[in-house]
């Protein structure tokens, strides 16, 4: 009970110091941290960035070693492994379908990005809103003081008002950095998926060889 009472007293002190805006920003920061930690865990479980075995399987497929490609694919823990496995048994005509399935997997991994983007953009505005409210309250206190103006009243009000802007920036900047890192990882995943699928569906060496062999066949009129 003492711990809960201590936490409650601290929350009341924060509320009295920064007002409801600071409390809202603190709640948003806790939710944002939860989302970021969940996305990091989700990326780790899905095997984002761990495509070594998958790349080796696709390389073996490109070289014509189908058996080794399938055996190597079974060792892959990447979330793209089932997609590449499907590509092994499909023709080039299924390229659009495979790309659509890849986008569906990417969309699942990108879930929550819009929330993080909204937090990064709105937190400074919410902090600025708290600052404006604090400034209004400070000038009202200054007006109520009348002729006996105490500069500490205005200075204290401004200090408390600017606190909300600082808290808003503290919430927004790490969120923007985390979002940029997550988006960068997903951009790399898209490039990797396109490369792997194109290599499986459009093997360059085999096509070049077939074209060359056809060109060497004499044409009889």
Foldseek 3Di string as FASTA:
>chain_A
DVVVVVVVVVVVVCCVLQNVLLVVLVVLLVVLVVLLVVLVVVCVQQVQPPCPLVVVLLVCVLVPNNVVSVVSLVPDSHNCSVLLVVLLVDALVCLVVSVVVVVVVLVVSCPPLVVLVCLLPCLLVSLLVSLVVLQVVLVVVQVVCPPPGDVVSNVSSNVSSNVSNVSSNVSNPVSVVSSVVSVVSSVVVSVVSVVSSCCSRPSPVVVVVVVVVVVPDDDDD
